[in-house]
C-alpha atoms as a PDB file:
ATOM      1  CA  MET A   1     -23.553  -8.635 -15.314  1.00  0.00           C
ATOM      2  CA  SER A   2     -22.698  -7.959 -18.933  1.00  0.00           C
ATOM      3  CA  GLU A   3     -23.508  -4.242 -18.611  1.00  0.00           C
ATOM      4  CA  ALA A   4     -20.526  -2.095 -17.608  1.00  0.00           C
ATOM      5  CA  VAL A   5     -20.838  -0.249 -14.333  1.00  0.00           C
ATOM      6  CA  ALA A   6     -20.907   3.477 -15.043  1.00  0.00           C
ATOM      7  CA  GLU A   7     -17.920   5.320 -13.583  1.00  0.00           C
ATOM      8  CA  GLY A   8     -18.346   8.639 -11.837  1.00  0.00           C
ATOM      9  CA  ARG A   9     -15.983  11.568 -12.108  1.00  0.00           C
ATOM     10  CA  ARG A  10     -15.147  11.712  -8.395  1.00  0.00           C
ATOM     11  CA  VAL A  11     -11.757  10.592  -7.146  1.00  0.00           C
ATOM     12  CA  ARG A  12     -11.723   7.196  -5.481  1.00  0.00           C
ATOM     13  CA  SER A  13      -9.738   5.614  -2.742  1.00  0.00           C
ATOM     14  CA  MET A  14      -8.623   2.044  -3.319  1.00  0.00           C
ATOM     15  CA  THR A  15     -10.088   1.018   0.057  1.00  0.00           C
ATOM     16  CA  GLY A  16     -13.628  -0.271   0.270  1.00  0.00           C
ATOM     17  CA  PHE A  17     -15.945  -3.112   1.265  1.00  0.00           C
ATOM     18  CA  ALA A  18     -19.375  -4.408   0.251  1.00  0.00           C
ATOM     19  CA  ARG A  19     -21.473  -7.440   1.212  1.00  0.00           C
ATOM     20  CA  ILE A  20     -24.760  -8.771  -0.155  1.00  0.00           C
ATOM     21  CA  SER A  21     -26.755 -11.787   1.012  1.00  0.00           C
ATOM     22  CA  GLY A  22     -29.540 -13.465  -0.937  1.00  0.00           C
ATOM     23  CA  ARG A  23     -31.632 -16.603  -1.221  1.00  0.00           C
ATOM     24  CA  VAL A  24     -32.276 -18.783  -4.219  1.00  0.00           C
ATOM     25  CA  SER A  25     -34.801 -21.018  -2.415  1.00  0.00           C
ATOM     26  CA  ASP A  26     -35.834 -21.979   1.104  1.00  0.00           C
ATOM     27  CA  GLN A  27     -32.945 -24.421   1.242  1.00  0.00           C
ATOM     28  CA  LEU A  28     -30.299 -22.404  -0.656  1.00  0.00           C
ATOM     29  CA  GLY A  29     -28.776 -18.984  -0.030  1.00  0.00           C
ATOM     30  CA  PHE A  30     -25.502 -17.158  -0.543  1.00  0.00           C
ATOM     31  CA  THR A  31     -23.322 -14.360   0.823  1.00  0.00           C
ATOM     32  CA  LEU A  32     -21.216 -12.311  -1.598  1.00  0.00           C
ATOM     33  CA  GLY A  33     -18.449 -10.024  -0.357  1.00  0.00           C
ATOM     34  CA  ILE A  34     -15.957  -7.649  -2.039  1.00  0.00           C
ATOM     35  CA  LYS A  35     -13.001  -6.003  -0.311  1.00  0.00           C
ATOM     36  CA  SER A  36     -10.366  -3.771  -1.901  1.00  0.00           C
ATOM     37  CA  VAL A  37      -7.102  -2.269  -0.653  1.00  0.00           C
ATOM     38  CA  ASN A  38      -4.115  -0.482  -2.183  1.00  0.00           C
ATOM     39  CA  HIS A  39      -2.176  -1.964  -5.086  1.00  0.00           C
ATOM     40  CA  ARG A  40      -0.259  -0.525  -8.026  1.00  0.00           C
ATOM     41  CA  PHE A  41      -2.439  -2.409 -10.523  1.00  0.00           C
ATOM     42  CA  LEU A  42      -5.749  -4.271 -10.579  1.00  0.00           C
ATOM     43  CA  ASP A  43      -5.056  -7.451  -8.622  1.00  0.00           C
ATOM     44  CA  PRO A  44      -8.242  -9.578  -8.296  1.00  0.00           C
ATOM     45  CA  HIS A  45      -8.363 -12.588  -5.966  1.00  0.00           C
ATOM     46  CA  LEU A  46     -11.524 -14.737  -6.049  1.00  0.00           C
ATOM     47  CA  ARG A  47     -12.559 -17.316  -3.461  1.00  0.00           C
ATOM     48  CA  LEU A  48     -15.492 -19.231  -4.926  1.00  0.00           C
ATOM     49  CA  PRO A  49     -16.736 -22.765  -4.229  1.00  0.00           C
ATOM     50  CA  SER A  50     -15.779 -25.528  -6.639  1.00  0.00           C
ATOM     51  CA  GLY A  51     -17.822 -25.661  -9.814  1.00  0.00           C
ATOM     52  CA  TYR A  52     -18.360 -21.911 -10.269  1.00  0.00           C
ATOM     53  CA  ASP A  53     -15.896 -21.401 -13.124  1.00  0.00           C
ATOM     54  CA  ALA A  54     -18.413 -19.609 -15.365  1.00  0.00           C
ATOM     55  CA  LEU A  55     -19.315 -17.214 -12.545  1.00  0.00           C
ATOM     56  CA  GLU A  56     -15.641 -16.514 -11.901  1.00  0.00           C
ATOM     57  CA  MET A  57     -15.121 -15.459 -15.510  1.00  0.00           C
ATOM     58  CA  GLU A  58     -18.105 -13.092 -15.316  1.00  0.00           C
ATOM     59  CA  ILE A  59     -16.864 -11.557 -12.074  1.00  0.00           C
ATOM     60  CA  ARG A  60     -13.354 -10.978 -13.415  1.00  0.00           C
ATOM     61  CA  LYS A  61     -14.773  -9.264 -16.492  1.00  0.00           C
ATOM     62  CA  ALA A  62     -17.014  -7.018 -14.372  1.00  0.00           C
ATOM     63  CA  LEU A  63     -14.110  -6.080 -12.081  1.00  0.00           C
ATOM     64  CA  LYS A  64     -11.994  -4.946 -15.041  1.00  0.00           C
ATOM     65  CA  GLN A  65     -14.850  -2.752 -16.265  1.00  0.00           C
ATOM     66  CA  ALA A  66     -15.499  -1.108 -12.885  1.00  0.00           C
ATOM     67  CA  ILE A  67     -12.091  -0.877 -11.164  1.00  0.00           C
ATOM     68  CA  SER A  68      -8.721   0.185 -12.535  1.00  0.00           C
ATOM     69  CA  ARG A  69      -6.422  -0.299  -9.525  1.00  0.00           C
ATOM     70  CA  GLY A  70      -6.401  -2.119  -6.212  1.00  0.00           C
ATOM     71  CA  HIS A  71      -6.037  -5.535  -4.612  1.00  0.00           C
ATOM     72  CA  VAL A  72      -9.626  -6.796  -4.818  1.00  0.00           C
ATOM     73  CA  GLU A  73     -10.860  -9.882  -2.947  1.00  0.00           C
ATOM     74  CA  VAL A  74     -14.206 -11.438  -3.872  1.00  0.00           C
ATOM     75  CA  PHE A  75     -15.647 -14.287  -1.803  1.00  0.00           C
ATOM     76  CA  LEU A  76     -18.816 -16.329  -2.215  1.00  0.00           C
ATOM     77  CA  GLN A  77     -20.254 -18.440   0.580  1.00  0.00           C
ATOM     78  CA  ILE A  78     -23.063 -20.905  -0.153  1.00  0.00           C
ATOM     79  CA  ASP A  79     -25.621 -21.436   2.635  1.00  0.00           C
ATOM     80  CA  ARG A  80     -27.553 -24.700   2.474  1.00  0.00           C
ATOM     81  CA  SER A  81     -30.232 -25.895   4.872  1.00  0.00           C
ATOM     82  CA  VAL A  82     -31.515 -29.480   4.552  1.00  0.00           C
ATOM     83  CA  LYS A  83     -35.278 -29.408   4.911  1.00  0.00           C
ATOM     84  CA  SER A  84     -35.774 -33.147   5.415  1.00  0.00           C
ATOM     85  CA  GLY A  85     -32.918 -33.548   7.901  1.00  0.00           C
ATOM     86  CA  LEU A  86     -30.184 -36.168   7.864  1.00  0.00           C
ATOM     87  CA  ARG A  87     -30.633 -39.735   6.656  1.00  0.00           C
ATOM     88  CA  LEU A  88     -28.904 -42.831   8.005  1.00  0.00           C
ATOM     89  CA  ASP A  89     -27.564 -45.221   5.381  1.00  0.00           C
ATOM     90  CA  ALA A  90     -27.970 -48.438   7.363  1.00  0.00           C
ATOM     91  CA  ALA A  91     -26.173 -50.595   4.790  1.00  0.00           C
ATOM     92  CA  VAL A  92     -23.048 -48.434   4.913  1.00  0.00           C
ATOM     93  CA  ALA A  93     -23.158 -48.336   8.724  1.00  0.00           C
ATOM     94  CA  ARG A  94     -23.536 -52.151   8.872  1.00  0.00           C
ATOM     95  CA  ALA A  95     -20.528 -52.558   6.574  1.00  0.00           C
ATOM     96  CA  TYR A  96     -18.373 -50.402   8.899  1.00  0.00           C
ATOM     97  CA  VAL A  97     -19.554 -52.362  11.963  1.00  0.00           C
ATOM     98  CA  ASP A  98     -18.819 -55.732  10.330  1.00  0.00           C
ATOM     99  CA  ALA A  99     -15.398 -54.518   9.222  1.00  0.00           C
ATOM    100  CA  PHE A 100     -14.642 -53.337  12.765  1.00  0.00           C
ATOM    101  CA  ARG A 101     -15.595 -56.654  14.319  1.00  0.00           C
ATOM    102  CA  GLU A 102     -13.662 -58.640  11.716  1.00  0.00           C
ATOM    103  CA  ALA A 103     -10.538 -56.531  12.334  1.00  0.00           C
ATOM    104  CA  ALA A 104     -10.905 -56.906  16.121  1.00  0.00           C
ATOM    105  CA  GLU A 105     -11.169 -60.681  15.776  1.00  0.00           C
ATOM    106  CA  GLN A 106      -8.302 -60.970  13.312  1.00  0.00           C
ATOM    107  CA  PHE A 107      -5.895 -58.912  15.432  1.00  0.00           C
ATOM    108  CA  GLU A 108      -7.236 -60.265  18.718  1.00  0.00           C
ATOM    109  CA  VAL A 109      -8.181 -56.836  19.998  1.00  0.00           C
ATOM    110  CA  LYS A 110     -10.410 -56.915  23.043  1.00  0.00           C
ATOM    111  CA  SER A 111     -13.148 -54.289  22.983  1.00  0.00           C
ATOM    112  CA  THR A 112     -16.058 -53.499  25.269  1.00  0.00           C
ATOM    113  CA  GLY A 113     -18.183 -52.384  22.330  1.00  0.00           C
ATOM    114  CA  LEU A 114     -18.493 -50.182  19.301  1.00  0.00           C
ATOM    115  CA  ASP A 115     -18.318 -46.381  19.478  1.00  0.00           C
ATOM    116  CA  LEU A 116     -21.531 -45.288  17.762  1.00  0.00           C
ATOM    117  CA  ASN A 117     -20.355 -41.697  17.387  1.00  0.00           C
ATOM    118  CA  ALA A 118     -17.273 -42.907  15.516  1.00  0.00           C
ATOM    119  CA  VAL A 119     -19.398 -45.025  13.189  1.00  0.00           C
ATOM    120  CA  LEU A 120     -21.789 -42.148  12.452  1.00  0.00           C
ATOM    121  CA  ARG A 121     -18.853 -39.894  11.504  1.00  0.00           C
ATOM    122  CA  MET A 122     -17.583 -42.318   8.870  1.00  0.00           C
ATOM    123  CA  PRO A 123     -18.002 -41.184   5.243  1.00  0.00           C
ATOM    124  CA  GLY A 124     -21.377 -42.050   3.710  1.00  0.00           C
ATOM    125  CA  VAL A 125     -23.091 -43.131   6.935  1.00  0.00           C
ATOM    126  CA  MET A 126     -25.092 -39.912   7.410  1.00  0.00           C
ATOM    127  CA  THR A 127     -26.282 -38.095   4.305  1.00  0.00           C
ATOM    128  CA  GLY A 128     -28.391 -35.034   3.586  1.00  0.00           C
ATOM    129  CA  ASP A 129     -30.581 -34.183   0.655  1.00  0.00           C
ATOM    130  CA  THR A 130     -27.910 -33.502  -1.968  1.00  0.00           C
ATOM    131  CA  SER A 131     -30.040 -33.819  -5.059  1.00  0.00           C
ATOM    132  CA  ASP A 132     -29.910 -31.333  -7.890  1.00  0.00           C
ATOM    133  CA  ARG A 133     -26.510 -29.842  -6.944  1.00  0.00           C
ATOM    134  CA  THR A 134     -25.871 -29.008 -10.614  1.00  0.00           C
ATOM    135  CA  ASP A 135     -29.118 -27.079 -10.635  1.00  0.00           C
ATOM    136  CA  ASP A 136     -27.960 -25.322  -7.443  1.00  0.00           C
ATOM    137  CA  VAL A 137     -24.792 -24.056  -9.141  1.00  0.00           C
ATOM    138  CA  GLU A 138     -26.767 -22.707 -12.078  1.00  0.00           C
ATOM    139  CA  ALA A 139     -29.315 -21.047  -9.787  1.00  0.00           C
ATOM    140  CA  VAL A 140     -26.654 -19.429  -7.585  1.00  0.00           C
ATOM    141  CA  THR A 141     -24.672 -18.281 -10.628  1.00  0.00           C
ATOM    142  CA  THR A 142     -27.752 -16.560 -12.035  1.00  0.00           C
ATOM    143  CA  ALA A 143     -28.602 -14.955  -8.695  1.00  0.00           C
ATOM    144  CA  VAL A 144     -25.043 -13.725  -8.003  1.00  0.00           C
ATOM    145  CA  SER A 145     -24.694 -12.393 -11.556  1.00  0.00           C
ATOM    146  CA  GLY A 146     -27.822 -10.355 -10.936  1.00  0.00           C
ATOM    147  CA  VAL A 147     -26.619  -8.716  -7.703  1.00  0.00           C
ATOM    148  CA  PHE A 148     -22.895  -8.353  -8.467  1.00  0.00           C
ATOM    149  CA  PRO A 149     -23.342  -4.930 -10.173  1.00  0.00           C
ATOM    150  CA  GLN A 150     -25.070  -3.729  -6.996  1.00  0.00           C
ATOM    151  CA  ALA A 151     -22.165  -5.006  -4.876  1.00  0.00           C
ATOM    152  CA  LEU A 152     -19.688  -3.217  -7.147  1.00  0.00           C
ATOM    153  CA  ALA A 153     -21.730  -0.020  -6.932  1.00  0.00           C
ATOM    154  CA  GLU A 154     -21.752  -0.187  -3.110  1.00  0.00           C
ATOM    155  CA  LEU A 155     -18.000  -0.834  -3.116  1.00  0.00           C
ATOM    156  CA  ASN A 156     -17.361   2.183  -5.318  1.00  0.00           C
ATOM    157  CA  VAL A 157     -19.628   4.402  -3.207  1.00  0.00           C
ATOM    158  CA  MET A 158     -17.390   3.638  -0.226  1.00  0.00           C
ATOM    159  CA  ARG A 159     -14.268   4.148  -2.355  1.00  0.00           C
ATOM    160  CA  GLU A 160     -15.581   7.527  -3.551  1.00  0.00           C
ATOM    161  CA  ARG A 161     -16.422   8.573   0.005  1.00  0.00           C
ATOM    162  CA  GLU A 162     -12.887   7.718   1.096  1.00  0.00           C
ATOM    163  CA  GLY A 163     -11.551   9.429  -2.028  1.00  0.00           C
ATOM    164  CA  GLU A 164     -13.317  12.704  -1.216  1.00  0.00           C
ATOM    165  CA  ALA A 165     -11.747  12.708   2.252  1.00  0.00           C
ATOM    166  CA  LEU A 166      -8.318  12.150   0.689  1.00  0.00           C
ATOM    167  CA  LYS A 167      -8.990  14.923  -1.821  1.00  0.00           C
ATOM    168  CA  LEU A 168      -9.699  17.428   0.962  1.00  0.00           C
ATOM    169  CA  GLU A 169      -6.439  16.531   2.697  1.00  0.00           C
ATOM    170  CA  LEU A 170      -4.490  16.790  -0.557  1.00  0.00           C
ATOM    171  CA  VAL A 171      -5.984  20.208  -1.314  1.00  0.00           C
ATOM    172  CA  ARG A 172      -4.859  21.337   2.140  1.00  0.00           C
ATOM    173  CA  CYS A 173      -1.359  20.009   1.363  1.00  0.00           C
ATOM    174  CA  MET A 174      -1.299  22.007  -1.878  1.00  0.00           C
ATOM    175  CA  GLN A 175      -2.420  25.136  -0.033  1.00  0.00           C
ATOM    176  CA  ARG A 176       0.421  24.730   2.480  1.00  0.00           C
ATOM    177  CA  ILE A 177       2.902  24.222  -0.384  1.00  0.00           C
ATOM    178  CA  ARG A 178       1.615  27.387  -2.059  1.00  0.00           C
ATOM    179  CA  GLU A 179       1.991  29.331   1.206  1.00  0.00           C
ATOM    180  CA  VAL A 180       5.562  28.073   1.651  1.00  0.00           C
ATOM    181  CA  ALA A 181       6.430  29.079  -1.919  1.00  0.00           C
ATOM    182  CA  ASP A 182       4.893  32.532  -1.371  1.00  0.00           C
ATOM    183  CA  GLU A 183       6.933  33.087   1.782  1.00  0.00           C
ATOM    184  CA  VAL A 184      10.113  32.020  -0.014  1.00  0.00           C
ATOM    185  CA  ARG A 185       9.287  34.504  -2.788  1.00  0.00           C
ATOM    186  CA  ASP A 186       8.831  37.292  -0.225  1.00  0.00           C
ATOM    187  CA  LEU A 187      12.177  36.472   1.386  1.00  0.00           C
ATOM    188  CA  ARG A 188      14.042  35.827  -1.858  1.00  0.00           C
ATOM    189  CA  LYS A 189      14.875  39.405  -2.824  1.00  0.00           C
ATOM    190  CA  GLY A 190      16.224  40.435   0.571  1.00  0.00           C
ATOM    191  CA  ALA A 191      18.106  37.166   0.971  1.00  0.00           C
ATOM    192  CA  GLN A 192      19.624  37.511  -2.469  1.00  0.00           C
ATOM    193  CA  GLN A 193      20.856  41.041  -1.740  1.00  0.00           C
ATOM    194  CA  ALA A 194      22.346  39.929   1.575  1.00  0.00           C
ATOM    195  CA  HIS A 195      23.953  36.956  -0.134  1.00  0.00           C
ATOM    196  CA  PHE A 196      25.425  39.268  -2.764  1.00  0.00           C
ATOM    197  CA  ALA A 197      26.963  41.470  -0.041  1.00  0.00           C
ATOM    198  CA  VAL A 198      28.499  38.446   1.699  1.00  0.00           C
ATOM    199  CA  LEU A 199      29.939  37.106  -1.565  1.00  0.00           C
ATOM    200  CA  LYS A 200      31.311  40.522  -2.498  1.00  0.00           C
ATOM    201  CA  GLN A 201      33.100  40.860   0.835  1.00  0.00           C
ATOM    202  CA  LYS A 202      34.583  37.375   0.526  1.00  0.00           C
ATOM    203  CA  LEU A 203      35.825  38.079  -2.999  1.00  0.00           C
ATOM    204  CA  ILE A 204      37.413  41.355  -1.892  1.00  0.00           C
ATOM    205  CA  GLU A 205      39.218  39.553   0.895  1.00  0.00           C
ATOM    206  CA  LEU A 206      40.392  36.764  -1.410  1.00  0.00           C
ATOM    207  CA  THR A 207      41.541  39.091  -4.213  1.00  0.00           C
ATOM    208  CA  ASN A 208      42.919  41.904  -2.089  1.00  0.00           C
ATOM    209  CA  GLU A 209      46.467  41.365  -3.340  1.00  0.00           C
ATOM    210  CA  ALA A 210      45.612  40.262  -6.866  1.00  0.00           C
ATOM    211  CA  GLY A 211      44.893  43.717  -8.197  1.00  0.00           C
ATOM    212  CA  ILE A 212      41.404  42.850  -9.450  1.00  0.00           C
ATOM    213  CA  SER A 213      39.139  45.849  -9.929  1.00  0.00           C
ATOM    214  CA  GLU A 214      36.085  46.417  -7.770  1.00  0.00           C
ATOM    215  CA  GLU A 215      33.909  46.332 -10.867  1.00  0.00           C
ATOM    216  CA  ARG A 216      35.131  42.815 -11.694  1.00  0.00           C
ATOM    217  CA  VAL A 217      34.538  41.749  -8.103  1.00  0.00           C
ATOM    218  CA  MET A 218      30.955  43.057  -8.198  1.00  0.00           C
ATOM    219  CA  THR A 219      30.312  41.283 -11.499  1.00  0.00           C
ATOM    220  CA  GLU A 220      31.554  37.957 -10.157  1.00  0.00           C
ATOM    221  CA  ALA A 221      29.608  38.376  -6.920  1.00  0.00           C
ATOM    222  CA  ALA A 222      26.456  39.178  -8.879  1.00  0.00           C
ATOM    223  CA  LEU A 223      26.887  36.056 -11.023  1.00  0.00           C
ATOM    224  CA  LEU A 224      27.388  33.854  -7.971  1.00  0.00           C
ATOM    225  CA  ALA A 225      24.360  35.365  -6.246  1.00  0.00           C
ATOM    226  CA  GLU A 226      22.233  34.878  -9.357  1.00  0.00           C
ATOM    227  CA  ARG A 227      23.066  31.184  -9.397  1.00  0.00           C
ATOM    228  CA  GLY A 228      21.352  30.948  -6.043  1.00  0.00           C
ATOM    229  CA  ASP A 229      18.174  32.567  -7.308  1.00  0.00           C
ATOM    230  CA  VAL A 230      15.143  30.273  -6.913  1.00  0.00           C
ATOM    231  CA  ASP A 231      12.556  32.282  -8.854  1.00  0.00           C
ATOM    232  CA  GLU A 232      12.245  29.634 -11.601  1.00  0.00           C
ATOM    233  CA  GLU A 233      11.689  26.879  -9.034  1.00  0.00           C
ATOM    234  CA  LEU A 234       8.977  28.943  -7.346  1.00  0.00           C
ATOM    235  CA  VAL A 235       7.203  29.571 -10.649  1.00  0.00           C
ATOM    236  CA  ARG A 236       7.237  25.865 -11.455  1.00  0.00           C
ATOM    237  CA  LEU A 237       6.032  24.968  -7.965  1.00  0.00           C
ATOM    238  CA  HIS A 238       3.016  27.252  -8.371  1.00  0.00           C
ATOM    239  CA  ALA A 239       2.318  25.710 -11.779  1.00  0.00           C
ATOM    240  CA  HIS A 240       2.570  22.194 -10.309  1.00  0.00           C
ATOM    241  CA  VAL A 241       0.145  23.114  -7.518  1.00  0.00           C
ATOM    242  CA  ASP A 242      -2.388  24.438 -10.043  1.00  0.00           C
ATOM    243  CA  HIS A 243      -2.009  21.294 -12.161  1.00  0.00           C
ATOM    244  CA  PHE A 244      -2.369  19.030  -9.108  1.00  0.00           C
ATOM    245  CA  VAL A 245      -5.585  20.686  -7.950  1.00  0.00           C
ATOM    246  CA  ALA A 246      -6.978  20.636 -11.503  1.00  0.00           C
ATOM    247  CA  LEU A 247      -6.381  16.876 -11.704  1.00  0.00           C
ATOM    248  CA  LEU A 248      -8.173  16.382  -8.380  1.00  0.00           C
ATOM    249  CA  ASP A 249     -11.148  18.379  -9.667  1.00  0.00           C
ATOM    250  CA  GLU A 250     -11.113  16.345 -12.881  1.00  0.00           C
ATOM    251  CA  GLY A 251     -11.527  13.194 -10.791  1.00  0.00           C
ATOM    252  CA  SER A 252     -11.709   9.638 -12.114  1.00  0.00           C
ATOM    253  CA  GLU A 253      -8.449   7.630 -12.184  1.00  0.00           C
ATOM    254  CA  VAL A 254      -5.829  10.217 -11.227  1.00  0.00           C
ATOM    255  CA  GLY A 255      -3.652   8.358  -8.723  1.00  0.00           C
ATOM    256  CA  LYS A 256      -0.774   7.559 -11.096  1.00  0.00           C
ATOM    257  CA  LYS A 257      -0.809  11.024 -12.667  1.00  0.00           C
ATOM    258  CA  LEU A 258      -0.610  12.692  -9.269  1.00  0.00           C
ATOM    259  CA  ASP A 259       2.177  10.365  -8.196  1.00  0.00           C
ATOM    260  CA  PHE A 260       4.251  11.320 -11.244  1.00  0.00           C
ATOM    261  CA  LEU A 261       3.523  15.010 -10.679  1.00  0.00           C
ATOM    262  CA  LEU A 262       4.753  14.798  -7.094  1.00  0.00           C
ATOM    263  CA  GLN A 263       8.095  13.605  -8.439  1.00  0.00           C
ATOM    264  CA  GLU A 264       8.348  16.985 -10.181  1.00  0.00           C
ATOM    265  CA  PHE A 265       7.520  18.700  -6.882  1.00  0.00           C
ATOM    266  CA  ASN A 266      10.435  16.839  -5.323  1.00  0.00           C
ATOM    267  CA  ARG A 267      12.832  17.934  -8.052  1.00  0.00           C
ATOM    268  CA  GLU A 268      11.961  21.597  -7.529  1.00  0.00           C
ATOM    269  CA  SER A 269      12.273  21.362  -3.746  1.00  0.00           C
ATOM    270  CA  ASN A 270      15.653  19.623  -4.037  1.00  0.00           C
ATOM    271  CA  THR A 271      16.914  22.333  -6.391  1.00  0.00           C
ATOM    272  CA  LEU A 272      15.636  25.056  -4.072  1.00  0.00           C
ATOM    273  CA  LEU A 273      17.489  23.516  -1.136  1.00  0.00           C
ATOM    274  CA  SER A 274      20.705  23.062  -3.105  1.00  0.00           C
ATOM    275  CA  LYS A 275      20.665  26.713  -4.222  1.00  0.00           C
ATOM    276  CA  THR A 276      20.035  28.089  -0.742  1.00  0.00           C
ATOM    277  CA  SER A 277      22.212  25.736   1.331  1.00  0.00           C
ATOM    278  CA  GLY A 278      25.168  28.155   1.338  1.00  0.00           C
ATOM    279  CA  VAL A 279      23.183  31.268   2.258  1.00  0.00           C
ATOM    280  CA  VAL A 280      23.963  32.007   5.907  1.00  0.00           C
ATOM    281  CA  THR A 281      21.953  35.204   6.300  1.00  0.00           C
ATOM    282  CA  ALA A 282      18.761  35.207   8.391  1.00  0.00           C
ATOM    283  CA  GLY A 283      16.557  35.257   5.294  1.00  0.00           C
ATOM    284  CA  GLY A 284      18.623  32.537   3.641  1.00  0.00           C
ATOM    285  CA  LEU A 285      18.372  30.277   6.664  1.00  0.00           C
ATOM    286  CA  ARG A 286      14.605  30.787   6.755  1.00  0.00           C
ATOM    287  CA  ILE A 287      14.388  29.849   3.073  1.00  0.00           C
ATOM    288  CA  THR A 288      16.284  26.636   3.815  1.00  0.00           C
ATOM    289  CA  GLU A 289      13.889  25.928   6.678  1.00  0.00           C
ATOM    290  CA  LEU A 290      10.949  26.514   4.351  1.00  0.00           C
ATOM    291  CA  GLY A 291      12.515  24.174   1.792  1.00  0.00           C
ATOM    292  CA  LEU A 292      12.544  21.406   4.394  1.00  0.00           C
ATOM    293  CA  LEU A 293       8.907  22.145   5.256  1.00  0.00           C
ATOM    294  CA  LEU A 294       8.150  21.944   1.557  1.00  0.00           C
ATOM    295  CA  LYS A 295       9.670  18.472   1.299  1.00  0.00           C
ATOM    296  CA  ALA A 296       7.672  17.333   4.334  1.00  0.00           C
ATOM    297  CA  GLU A 297       4.403  18.486   2.729  1.00  0.00           C
ATOM    298  CA  ILE A 298       5.300  16.793  -0.549  1.00  0.00           C
ATOM    299  CA  GLU A 299       5.971  13.531   1.283  1.00  0.00           C
ATOM    300  CA  ARG A 300       2.657  13.844   3.143  1.00  0.00           C
ATOM    301  CA  ALA A 301       0.868  14.330  -0.177  1.00  0.00           C
ATOM    302  CA  ARG A 302       2.704  11.369  -1.709  1.00  0.00           C
ATOM    303  CA  GLU A 303       1.533   9.078   1.112  1.00  0.00           C
ATOM    304  CA  GLN A 304      -2.070  10.142   0.537  1.00  0.00           C
ATOM    305  CA  VAL A 305      -1.834   9.765  -3.249  1.00  0.00           C
ATOM    306  CA  GLN A 306      -0.762   6.134  -2.817  1.00  0.00           C
ATOM    307  CA  ASN A 307      -4.338   5.460  -1.655  1.00  0.00           C
ATOM    308  CA  LEU A 308      -6.021   6.917  -4.750  1.00  0.00           C
ATOM    309  CA  GLU A 309      -7.188   4.824  -7.693  1.00  0.00           C
END
């Protein structure tokens, strides 16, 4: 288990499962399982039988080498079969029977007889072949150490398969965001001109008695209309989409990077909405509608990114 598990370049989901069963001898076997789900950091939880401290340390080290994020549960179940069957310890059973009779006599408890089933269930009465348990721990530790890299590899194959499905959905989200941005760009010029005309008319009405020249009114209207221009936001959105897709193609551990990048998407969409909220023309209203669609796509992408390693 000392060799690091080689990491592929494909994106990975944080959801996966793997199970391996093996036998150390005719009387001794084991089942090893690994399950992972979403978590902000690597969060390993191991459920091993008592006495496997050395194995636990090896497993934790291997997990850190192979997995960067996720709540990972590892469980080990030991399967023992006693070849020679159970053995009755007659001396222990006799001691329980004598103690029972002595207690019944001392407390004057009338009884029709002893319950054999109860006696057989008492500690130490029935025993199996429990020899060489220390050797069992060493043998299981060696066997599990040998197959744990295989279990990790199977886990990561499932995580990569899930990751590729998430990648396809995220690429579709980016394509929809690009289409929304393109439609806003097509509408922007006409909406800006209409917005300018509306602002100009309002300024004329407000300054009708103030003696302000038409040239000054047009200048002020142009400045107000320019403040509502969203060209810079659209350029940055296209750049963010290109960066997002490039990170997906790069693969490996991109979940946190994509999450941070989506925060930039949100900033641009919020600015776009704030600049177009006062535009009441048909094109302006459509741009606002597209801004809301943009935020919905960004949120959909954010939910998917939460599943990536």
